[in-house]
Amino acid sequence: MLTKTVRSRFSHEAGEKVEGCVILEKRVVIPPNPAEKRLGVYDYLVEVPPTAVKPHAARETRHGNGSASGAGTRTTPEMHGTVIRRVSSR
């Protein structure tokens, strides 16, 4: 089980969802003050759902740019079609 802490200005209870994660425990950081119309601040320990692992095979096929030497994707000025000119300082 993977967990993280989420801070919120809204009061929730254990078992509810915050940011797509289920709340395991609640801690009051700053209590609410209704006289000043101020919300409280709460820390929630939440259970993070498992993330899907992307396959590495898709990444390998993306690098096939036709170069057998594996030189990479660095471009030359001729490939850009632009000219860079340096201006001397006066």
PDB file of N, CA and C in Angstrom:
ATOM      1  N   MET A   1       0.857  -1.177   0.000  1.00  0.00           N
ATOM      2  CA  MET A   1       0.000   0.000   0.000  1.00  0.00           C
ATOM      3  C   MET A   1       0.898   1.234   0.000  1.00  0.00           C
ATOM      4  N   LEU A   2       0.653   2.127  -0.942  1.00  0.00           N
ATOM      5  CA  LEU A   2       1.406   3.359  -1.074  1.00  0.00           C
ATOM      6  C   LEU A   2       0.560   4.497  -0.522  1.00  0.00           C
ATOM      7  N   THR A   3       1.159   5.358   0.305  1.00  0.00           N
ATOM      8  CA  THR A   3       0.402   6.465   0.903  1.00  0.00           C
ATOM      9  C   THR A   3       1.111   7.784   0.643  1.00  0.00           C
ATOM     10  N   LYS A   4       0.352   8.868   0.760  1.00  0.00           N
ATOM     11  CA  LYS A   4       0.920  10.211   0.690  1.00  0.00           C
ATOM     12  C   LYS A   4       0.062  11.124   1.561  1.00  0.00           C
ATOM     13  N   THR A   5       0.559  12.322   1.844  1.00  0.00           N
ATOM     14  CA  THR A   5      -0.166  13.297   2.645  1.00  0.00           C
ATOM     15  C   THR A   5      -0.695  14.388   1.730  1.00  0.00           C
ATOM     16  N   VAL A   6      -1.970  14.724   1.906  1.00  0.00           N
ATOM     17  CA  VAL A   6      -2.617  15.775   1.124  1.00  0.00           C
ATOM     18  C   VAL A   6      -3.105  16.834   2.090  1.00  0.00           C
ATOM     19  N   ARG A   7      -2.814  18.105   1.817  1.00  0.00           N
ATOM     20  CA  ARG A   7      -3.286  19.209   2.653  1.00  0.00           C
ATOM     21  C   ARG A   7      -4.491  19.848   1.968  1.00  0.00           C
ATOM     22  N   SER A   8      -5.521  20.136   2.769  1.00  0.00           N
ATOM     23  CA  SER A   8      -6.746  20.702   2.208  1.00  0.00           C
ATOM     24  C   SER A   8      -7.353  21.688   3.191  1.00  0.00           C
ATOM     25  N   ARG A   9      -8.124  22.642   2.678  1.00  0.00           N
ATOM     26  CA  ARG A   9      -8.847  23.602   3.507  1.00  0.00           C
ATOM     27  C   ARG A   9     -10.259  23.110   3.808  1.00  0.00           C
ATOM     28  N   PHE A  10     -10.639  21.991   3.261  1.00  0.00           N
ATOM     29  CA  PHE A  10     -11.995  21.479   3.434  1.00  0.00           C
ATOM     30  C   PHE A  10     -11.984  20.251   4.330  1.00  0.00           C
ATOM     31  N   SER A  11     -13.016  20.140   5.154  1.00  0.00           N
ATOM     32  CA  SER A  11     -13.118  19.049   6.109  1.00  0.00           C
ATOM     33  C   SER A  11     -13.746  17.819   5.458  1.00  0.00           C
ATOM     34  N   HIS A  12     -13.032  16.704   5.507  1.00  0.00           N
ATOM     35  CA  HIS A  12     -13.520  15.418   5.032  1.00  0.00           C
ATOM     36  C   HIS A  12     -13.325  14.413   6.149  1.00  0.00           C
ATOM     37  N   GLU A  13     -13.923  13.267   6.019  1.00  0.00           N
ATOM     38  CA  GLU A  13     -13.787  12.209   7.018  1.00  0.00           C
ATOM     39  C   GLU A  13     -13.106  10.993   6.397  1.00  0.00           C
ATOM     40  N   ALA A  14     -12.616  10.097   7.245  1.00  0.00           N
ATOM     41  CA  ALA A  14     -11.958   8.879   6.784  1.00  0.00           C
ATOM     42  C   ALA A  14     -12.932   8.062   5.930  1.00  0.00           C
ATOM     43  N   GLY A  15     -12.417   7.518   4.843  1.00  0.00           N
ATOM     44  CA  GLY A  15     -13.245   6.739   3.928  1.00  0.00           C
ATOM     45  C   GLY A  15     -13.683   7.529   2.713  1.00  0.00           C
ATOM     46  N   GLU A  16     -13.701   8.865   2.810  1.00  0.00           N
ATOM     47  CA  GLU A  16     -14.059   9.701   1.658  1.00  0.00           C
ATOM     48  C   GLU A  16     -12.864   9.780   0.716  1.00  0.00           C
ATOM     49  N   LYS A  17     -13.087  10.361  -0.457  1.00  0.00           N
ATOM     50  CA  LYS A  17     -12.018  10.498  -1.443  1.00  0.00           C
ATOM     51  C   LYS A  17     -11.587  11.956  -1.563  1.00  0.00           C
ATOM     52  N   VAL A  18     -10.273  12.158  -1.658  1.00  0.00           N
ATOM     53  CA  VAL A  18      -9.672  13.464  -1.905  1.00  0.00           C
ATOM     54  C   VAL A  18      -8.655  13.263  -3.009  1.00  0.00           C
ATOM     55  N   GLU A  19      -8.737  14.052  -4.072  1.00  0.00           N
ATOM     56  CA  GLU A  19      -7.829  13.962  -5.222  1.00  0.00           C
ATOM     57  C   GLU A  19      -7.761  12.535  -5.776  1.00  0.00           C
ATOM     58  N   GLY A  20      -8.861  11.822  -5.732  1.00  0.00           N
ATOM     59  CA  GLY A  20      -8.930  10.476  -6.283  1.00  0.00           C
ATOM     60  C   GLY A  20      -8.335   9.403  -5.379  1.00  0.00           C
ATOM     61  N   CYS A  21      -7.979   9.762  -4.131  1.00  0.00           N
ATOM     62  CA  CYS A  21      -7.383   8.818  -3.192  1.00  0.00           C
ATOM     63  C   CYS A  21      -8.286   8.679  -1.973  1.00  0.00           C
ATOM     64  N   VAL A  22      -8.291   7.506  -1.354  1.00  0.00           N
ATOM     65  CA  VAL A  22      -9.135   7.236  -0.190  1.00  0.00           C
ATOM     66  C   VAL A  22      -8.426   7.719   1.074  1.00  0.00           C
ATOM     67  N   ILE A  23      -9.155   8.480   1.915  1.00  0.00           N
ATOM     68  CA  ILE A  23      -8.592   9.020   3.153  1.00  0.00           C
ATOM     69  C   ILE A  23      -8.481   7.910   4.191  1.00  0.00           C
ATOM     70  N   LEU A  24      -7.288   7.772   4.765  1.00  0.00           N
ATOM     71  CA  LEU A  24      -7.060   6.796   5.827  1.00  0.00           C
ATOM     72  C   LEU A  24      -7.117   7.455   7.202  1.00  0.00           C
ATOM     73  N   GLU A  25      -6.546   8.665   7.313  1.00  0.00           N
ATOM     74  CA  GLU A  25      -6.563   9.354   8.597  1.00  0.00           C
ATOM     75  C   GLU A  25      -6.542  10.861   8.378  1.00  0.00           C
ATOM     76  N   LYS A  26      -7.092  11.601   9.340  1.00  0.00           N
ATOM     77  CA  LYS A  26      -7.251  13.049   9.250  1.00  0.00           C
ATOM     78  C   LYS A  26      -6.536  13.704  10.433  1.00  0.00           C
ATOM     79  N   ARG A  27      -5.825  14.824  10.168  1.00  0.00           N
ATOM     80  CA  ARG A  27      -5.158  15.572  11.227  1.00  0.00           C
ATOM     81  C   ARG A  27      -5.459  17.052  11.023  1.00  0.00           C
ATOM     82  N   VAL A  28      -5.845  17.743  12.097  1.00  0.00           N
ATOM     83  CA  VAL A  28      -6.162  19.167  12.027  1.00  0.00           C
ATOM     84  C   VAL A  28      -4.872  19.947  12.210  1.00  0.00           C
ATOM     85  N   VAL A  29      -4.506  20.766  11.218  1.00  0.00           N
ATOM     86  CA  VAL A  29      -3.318  21.603  11.287  1.00  0.00           C
ATOM     87  C   VAL A  29      -3.686  22.943  11.927  1.00  0.00           C
ATOM     88  N   ILE A  30      -4.726  23.600  11.403  1.00  0.00           N
ATOM     89  CA  ILE A  30      -5.257  24.844  11.954  1.00  0.00           C
ATOM     90  C   ILE A  30      -6.753  24.650  12.129  1.00  0.00           C
ATOM     91  N   PRO A  31      -7.262  24.785  13.350  1.00  0.00           N
ATOM     92  CA  PRO A  31      -8.703  24.587  13.543  1.00  0.00           C
ATOM     93  C   PRO A  31      -9.512  25.711  12.900  1.00  0.00           C
ATOM     94  N   PRO A  32     -10.727  25.412  12.460  1.00  0.00           N
ATOM     95  CA  PRO A  32     -11.561  26.457  11.855  1.00  0.00           C
ATOM     96  C   PRO A  32     -12.025  27.447  12.925  1.00  0.00           C
ATOM     97  N   ASN A  33     -12.260  28.694  12.505  1.00  0.00           N
ATOM     98  CA  ASN A  33     -12.741  29.729  13.414  1.00  0.00           C
ATOM     99  C   ASN A  33     -13.965  30.374  12.778  1.00  0.00           C
ATOM    100  N   PRO A  34     -15.182  29.912  13.146  1.00  0.00           N
ATOM    101  CA  PRO A  34     -16.396  30.458  12.530  1.00  0.00           C
ATOM    102  C   PRO A  34     -16.607  31.939  12.822  1.00  0.00           C
ATOM    103  N   ALA A  35     -16.122  32.450  13.952  1.00  0.00           N
ATOM    104  CA  ALA A  35     -16.281  33.869  14.288  1.00  0.00           C
ATOM    105  C   ALA A  35     -15.565  34.752  13.273  1.00  0.00           C
ATOM    106  N   GLU A  36     -14.420  34.283  12.772  1.00  0.00           N
ATOM    107  CA  GLU A  36     -13.662  35.044  11.763  1.00  0.00           C
ATOM    108  C   GLU A  36     -13.968  34.562  10.347  1.00  0.00           C
ATOM    109  N   LYS A  37     -14.911  33.630  10.232  1.00  0.00           N
ATOM    110  CA  LYS A  37     -15.274  33.033   8.941  1.00  0.00           C
ATOM    111  C   LYS A  37     -14.047  32.436   8.250  1.00  0.00           C
ATOM    112  N   ARG A  38     -13.235  31.741   9.047  1.00  0.00           N
ATOM    113  CA  ARG A  38     -12.004  31.149   8.522  1.00  0.00           C
ATOM    114  C   ARG A  38     -12.140  29.634   8.506  1.00  0.00           C
ATOM    115  N   LEU A  39     -11.812  29.036   7.368  1.00  0.00           N
ATOM    116  CA  LEU A  39     -11.800  27.581   7.255  1.00  0.00           C
ATOM    117  C   LEU A  39     -10.576  27.028   7.971  1.00  0.00           C
ATOM    118  N   GLY A  40     -10.645  25.786   8.349  1.00  0.00           N
ATOM    119  CA  GLY A  40      -9.494  25.123   8.945  1.00  0.00           C
ATOM    120  C   GLY A  40      -8.572  24.585   7.870  1.00  0.00           C
ATOM    121  N   VAL A  41      -7.430  24.082   8.314  1.00  0.00           N
ATOM    122  CA  VAL A  41      -6.485  23.436   7.409  1.00  0.00           C
ATOM    123  C   VAL A  41      -6.282  22.019   7.933  1.00  0.00           C
ATOM    124  N   TYR A  42      -6.379  21.044   7.027  1.00  0.00           N
ATOM    125  CA  TYR A  42      -6.334  19.639   7.405  1.00  0.00           C
ATOM    126  C   TYR A  42      -5.293  18.900   6.582  1.00  0.00           C
ATOM    127  N   ASP A  43      -4.603  17.954   7.225  1.00  0.00           N
ATOM    128  CA  ASP A  43      -3.712  17.028   6.533  1.00  0.00           C
ATOM    129  C   ASP A  43      -4.400  15.674   6.507  1.00  0.00           C
ATOM    130  N   TYR A  44      -4.413  15.059   5.335  1.00  0.00           N
ATOM    131  CA  TYR A  44      -5.024  13.743   5.183  1.00  0.00           C
ATOM    132  C   TYR A  44      -3.970  12.750   4.730  1.00  0.00           C
ATOM    133  N   LEU A  45      -3.891  11.618   5.413  1.00  0.00           N
ATOM    134  CA  LEU A  45      -3.068  10.510   4.958  1.00  0.00           C
ATOM    135  C   LEU A  45      -3.962   9.691   4.042  1.00  0.00           C
ATOM    136  N   VAL A  46      -3.579   9.585   2.775  1.00  0.00           N
ATOM    137  CA  VAL A  46      -4.431   8.919   1.790  1.00  0.00           C
ATOM    138  C   VAL A  46      -3.696   7.747   1.163  1.00  0.00           C
ATOM    139  N   GLU A  47      -4.483   6.780   0.717  1.00  0.00           N
ATOM    140  CA  GLU A  47      -3.948   5.619   0.007  1.00  0.00           C
ATOM    141  C   GLU A  47      -3.931   5.931  -1.482  1.00  0.00           C
ATOM    142  N   VAL A  48      -2.761   5.816  -2.097  1.00  0.00           N
ATOM    143  CA  VAL A  48      -2.601   6.126  -3.511  1.00  0.00           C
ATOM    144  C   VAL A  48      -2.910   4.873  -4.322  1.00  0.00           C
ATOM    145  N   PRO A  49      -3.792   4.977  -5.322  1.00  0.00           N
ATOM    146  CA  PRO A  49      -4.065   3.801  -6.160  1.00  0.00           C
ATOM    147  C   PRO A  49      -2.835   3.456  -6.992  1.00  0.00           C
ATOM    148  N   PRO A  50      -2.631   2.174  -7.298  1.00  0.00           N
ATOM    149  CA  PRO A  50      -1.466   1.785  -8.101  1.00  0.00           C
ATOM    150  C   PRO A  50      -1.550   2.370  -9.502  1.00  0.00           C
ATOM    151  N   THR A  51      -0.396   2.756 -10.028  1.00  0.00           N
ATOM    152  CA  THR A  51      -0.345   3.318 -11.377  1.00  0.00           C
ATOM    153  C   THR A  51      -0.023   2.213 -12.376  1.00  0.00           C
ATOM    154  N   ALA A  52      -0.518   2.387 -13.588  1.00  0.00           N
ATOM    155  CA  ALA A  52      -0.258   1.410 -14.649  1.00  0.00           C
ATOM    156  C   ALA A  52       1.163   1.604 -15.165  1.00  0.00           C
ATOM    157  N   VAL A  53       1.876   0.513 -15.342  1.00  0.00           N
ATOM    158  CA  VAL A  53       3.244   0.565 -15.842  1.00  0.00           C
ATOM    159  C   VAL A  53       3.199   0.500 -17.360  1.00  0.00           C
ATOM    160  N   LYS A  54       3.868   1.453 -18.006  1.00  0.00           N
ATOM    161  CA  LYS A  54       3.894   1.480 -19.464  1.00  0.00           C
ATOM    162  C   LYS A  54       4.940   0.499 -19.974  1.00  0.00           C
ATOM    163  N   PRO A  55       4.644  -0.218 -21.052  1.00  0.00           N
ATOM    164  CA  PRO A  55       5.625  -1.163 -21.593  1.00  0.00           C
ATOM    165  C   PRO A  55       6.805  -0.425 -22.225  1.00  0.00           C
ATOM    166  N   HIS A  56       7.995  -1.014 -22.114  1.00  0.00           N
ATOM    167  CA  HIS A  56       9.201  -0.399 -22.661  1.00  0.00           C
ATOM    168  C   HIS A  56       9.338  -0.624 -24.158  1.00  0.00           C
ATOM    169  N   ALA A  57       8.613  -1.577 -24.726  1.00  0.00           N
ATOM    170  CA  ALA A  57       8.729  -1.889 -26.147  1.00  0.00           C
ATOM    171  C   ALA A  57       8.298  -0.701 -27.007  1.00  0.00           C
ATOM    172  N   ALA A  58       7.327   0.072 -26.557  1.00  0.00           N
ATOM    173  CA  ALA A  58       6.870   1.225 -27.339  1.00  0.00           C
ATOM    174  C   ALA A  58       7.962   2.272 -27.433  1.00  0.00           C
ATOM    175  N   ARG A  59       8.754   2.404 -26.393  1.00  0.00           N
ATOM    176  CA  ARG A  59       9.813   3.405 -26.402  1.00  0.00           C
ATOM    177  C   ARG A  59      10.920   3.021 -27.376  1.00  0.00           C
ATOM    178  N   GLU A  60      11.219   1.729 -27.504  1.00  0.00           N
ATOM    179  CA  GLU A  60      12.281   1.283 -28.397  1.00  0.00           C
ATOM    180  C   GLU A  60      11.925   1.511 -29.860  1.00  0.00           C
ATOM    181  N   THR A  61      10.672   1.343 -30.243  1.00  0.00           N
ATOM    182  CA  THR A  61      10.293   1.523 -31.640  1.00  0.00           C
ATOM    183  C   THR A  61      10.287   2.993 -32.030  1.00  0.00           C
ATOM    184  N   ARG A  62      10.154   3.871 -31.073  1.00  0.00           N
ATOM    185  CA  ARG A  62      10.106   5.303 -31.356  1.00  0.00           C
ATOM    186  C   ARG A  62      11.460   5.825 -31.827  1.00  0.00           C
ATOM    187  N   HIS A  63      12.573   5.190 -31.412  1.00  0.00           N
ATOM    188  CA  HIS A  63      13.905   5.678 -31.752  1.00  0.00           C
ATOM    189  C   HIS A  63      14.357   5.291 -33.153  1.00  0.00           C
ATOM    190  N   GLY A  64      13.578   4.534 -33.870  1.00  0.00           N
ATOM    191  CA  GLY A  64      13.975   4.090 -35.206  1.00  0.00           C
ATOM    192  C   GLY A  64      13.850   5.216 -36.220  1.00  0.00           C
ATOM    193  N   ASN A  65      14.871   6.068 -36.339  1.00  0.00           N
ATOM    194  CA  ASN A  65      14.810   7.201 -37.260  1.00  0.00           C
ATOM    195  C   ASN A  65      15.541   6.918 -38.574  1.00  0.00           C
ATOM    196  N   GLY A  66      15.847   5.654 -38.859  1.00  0.00           N
ATOM    197  CA  GLY A  66      16.483   5.303 -40.128  1.00  0.00           C
ATOM    198  C   GLY A  66      17.987   5.347 -40.078  1.00  0.00           C
ATOM    199  N   SER A  67      18.573   5.775 -38.999  1.00  0.00           N
ATOM    200  CA  SER A  67      20.013   5.860 -38.883  1.00  0.00           C
ATOM    201  C   SER A  67      20.547   4.561 -38.288  1.00  0.00           C
ATOM    202  N   ALA A  68      21.363   3.862 -39.041  1.00  0.00           N
ATOM    203  CA  ALA A  68      21.887   2.595 -38.565  1.00  0.00           C
ATOM    204  C   ALA A  68      23.002   2.796 -37.556  1.00  0.00           C
ATOM    205  N   SER A  69      23.664   3.956 -37.576  1.00  0.00           N
ATOM    206  CA  SER A  69      24.786   4.173 -36.667  1.00  0.00           C
ATOM    207  C   SER A  69      24.320   4.526 -35.256  1.00  0.00           C
ATOM    208  N   GLY A  70      23.043   4.882 -35.078  1.00  0.00           N
ATOM    209  CA  GLY A  70      22.551   5.250 -33.750  1.00  0.00           C
ATOM    210  C   GLY A  70      23.091   6.593 -33.310  1.00  0.00           C
ATOM    211  N   ALA A  71      23.256   7.512 -34.253  1.00  0.00           N
ATOM    212  CA  ALA A  71      23.860   8.806 -33.958  1.00  0.00           C
ATOM    213  C   ALA A  71      22.957   9.702 -33.133  1.00  0.00           C
ATOM    214  N   GLY A  72      21.676   9.406 -33.027  1.00  0.00           N
ATOM    215  CA  GLY A  72      20.791  10.246 -32.236  1.00  0.00           C
ATOM    216  C   GLY A  72      19.951  11.153 -33.107  1.00  0.00           C
ATOM    217  N   THR A  73      19.403  12.196 -32.498  1.00  0.00           N
ATOM    218  CA  THR A  73      18.502  13.083 -33.232  1.00  0.00           C
ATOM    219  C   THR A  73      19.016  14.511 -33.311  1.00  0.00           C
ATOM    220  N   ARG A  74      20.291  14.724 -33.114  1.00  0.00           N
ATOM    221  CA  ARG A  74      20.831  16.074 -33.180  1.00  0.00           C
ATOM    222  C   ARG A  74      20.766  16.584 -34.614  1.00  0.00           C
ATOM    223  N   THR A  75      20.278  17.799 -34.770  1.00  0.00           N
ATOM    224  CA  THR A  75      20.124  18.353 -36.111  1.00  0.00           C
ATOM    225  C   THR A  75      21.260  19.313 -36.422  1.00  0.00           C
ATOM    226  N   THR A  76      21.512  19.468 -37.708  1.00  0.00           N
ATOM    227  CA  THR A  76      22.536  20.389 -38.181  1.00  0.00           C
ATOM    228  C   THR A  76      21.851  21.636 -38.711  1.00  0.00           C
ATOM    229  N   PRO A  77      22.591  22.737 -38.902  1.00  0.00           N
ATOM    230  CA  PRO A  77      21.975  23.954 -39.451  1.00  0.00           C
ATOM    231  C   PRO A  77      21.325  23.729 -40.810  1.00  0.00           C
ATOM    232  N   GLU A  78      21.875  22.801 -41.621  1.00  0.00           N
ATOM    233  CA  GLU A  78      21.278  22.532 -42.924  1.00  0.00           C
ATOM    234  C   GLU A  78      19.892  21.911 -42.769  1.00  0.00           C
ATOM    235  N   MET A  79      19.713  21.120 -41.747  1.00  0.00           N
ATOM    236  CA  MET A  79      18.419  20.489 -41.513  1.00  0.00           C
ATOM    237  C   MET A  79      17.385  21.510 -41.034  1.00  0.00           C
ATOM    238  N   HIS A  80      17.823  22.526 -40.308  1.00  0.00           N
ATOM    239  CA  HIS A  80      16.911  23.559 -39.810  1.00  0.00           C
ATOM    240  C   HIS A  80      16.440  24.487 -40.923  1.00  0.00           C
ATOM    241  N   GLY A  81      17.334  24.814 -41.836  1.00  0.00           N
ATOM    242  CA  GLY A  81      16.986  25.750 -42.896  1.00  0.00           C
ATOM    243  C   GLY A  81      17.130  27.197 -42.453  1.00  0.00           C
ATOM    244  N   THR A  82      17.700  27.424 -41.292  1.00  0.00           N
ATOM    245  CA  THR A  82      17.918  28.790 -40.810  1.00  0.00           C
ATOM    246  C   THR A  82      19.403  29.043 -40.698  1.00  0.00           C
ATOM    247  N   VAL A  83      19.751  30.316 -40.736  1.00  0.00           N
ATOM    248  CA  VAL A  83      21.149  30.703 -40.632  1.00  0.00           C
ATOM    249  C   VAL A  83      21.319  31.524 -39.363  1.00  0.00           C
ATOM    250  N   ILE A  84      22.321  31.199 -38.600  1.00  0.00           N
ATOM    251  CA  ILE A  84      22.623  31.958 -37.386  1.00  0.00           C
ATOM    252  C   ILE A  84      23.818  32.837 -37.689  1.00  0.00           C
ATOM    253  N   ARG A  85      23.638  34.126 -37.532  1.00  0.00           N
ATOM    254  CA  ARG A  85      24.729  35.062 -37.800  1.00  0.00           C
ATOM    255  C   ARG A  85      25.116  35.756 -36.509  1.00  0.00           C
ATOM    256  N   ARG A  86      26.389  35.877 -36.312  1.00  0.00           N
ATOM    257  CA  ARG A  86      26.869  36.556 -35.128  1.00  0.00           C
ATOM    258  C   ARG A  86      27.238  37.985 -35.499  1.00  0.00           C
ATOM    259  N   VAL A  87      26.788  38.906 -34.657  1.00  0.00           N
ATOM    260  CA  VAL A  87      27.072  40.323 -34.884  1.00  0.00           C
ATOM    261  C   VAL A  87      28.206  40.710 -33.965  1.00  0.00           C
ATOM    262  N   SER A  88      29.218  41.346 -34.538  1.00  0.00           N
ATOM    263  CA  SER A  88      30.357  41.738 -33.721  1.00  0.00           C
ATOM    264  C   SER A  88      29.958  42.893 -32.799  1.00  0.00           C
ATOM    265  N   SER A  89      30.590  42.944 -31.641  1.00  0.00           N
ATOM    266  CA  SER A  89      30.295  44.026 -30.690  1.00  0.00           C
ATOM    267  C   SER A  89      30.962  45.315 -31.165  1.00  0.00           C
ATOM    268  N   ARG A  90      30.352  46.431 -30.902  1.00  0.00           N
ATOM    269  CA  ARG A  90      30.868  47.712 -31.405  1.00  0.00           C
ATOM    270  C   ARG A  90      31.643  48.429 -30.368  1.00  0.00           C
TER     271      ARG A  90
END
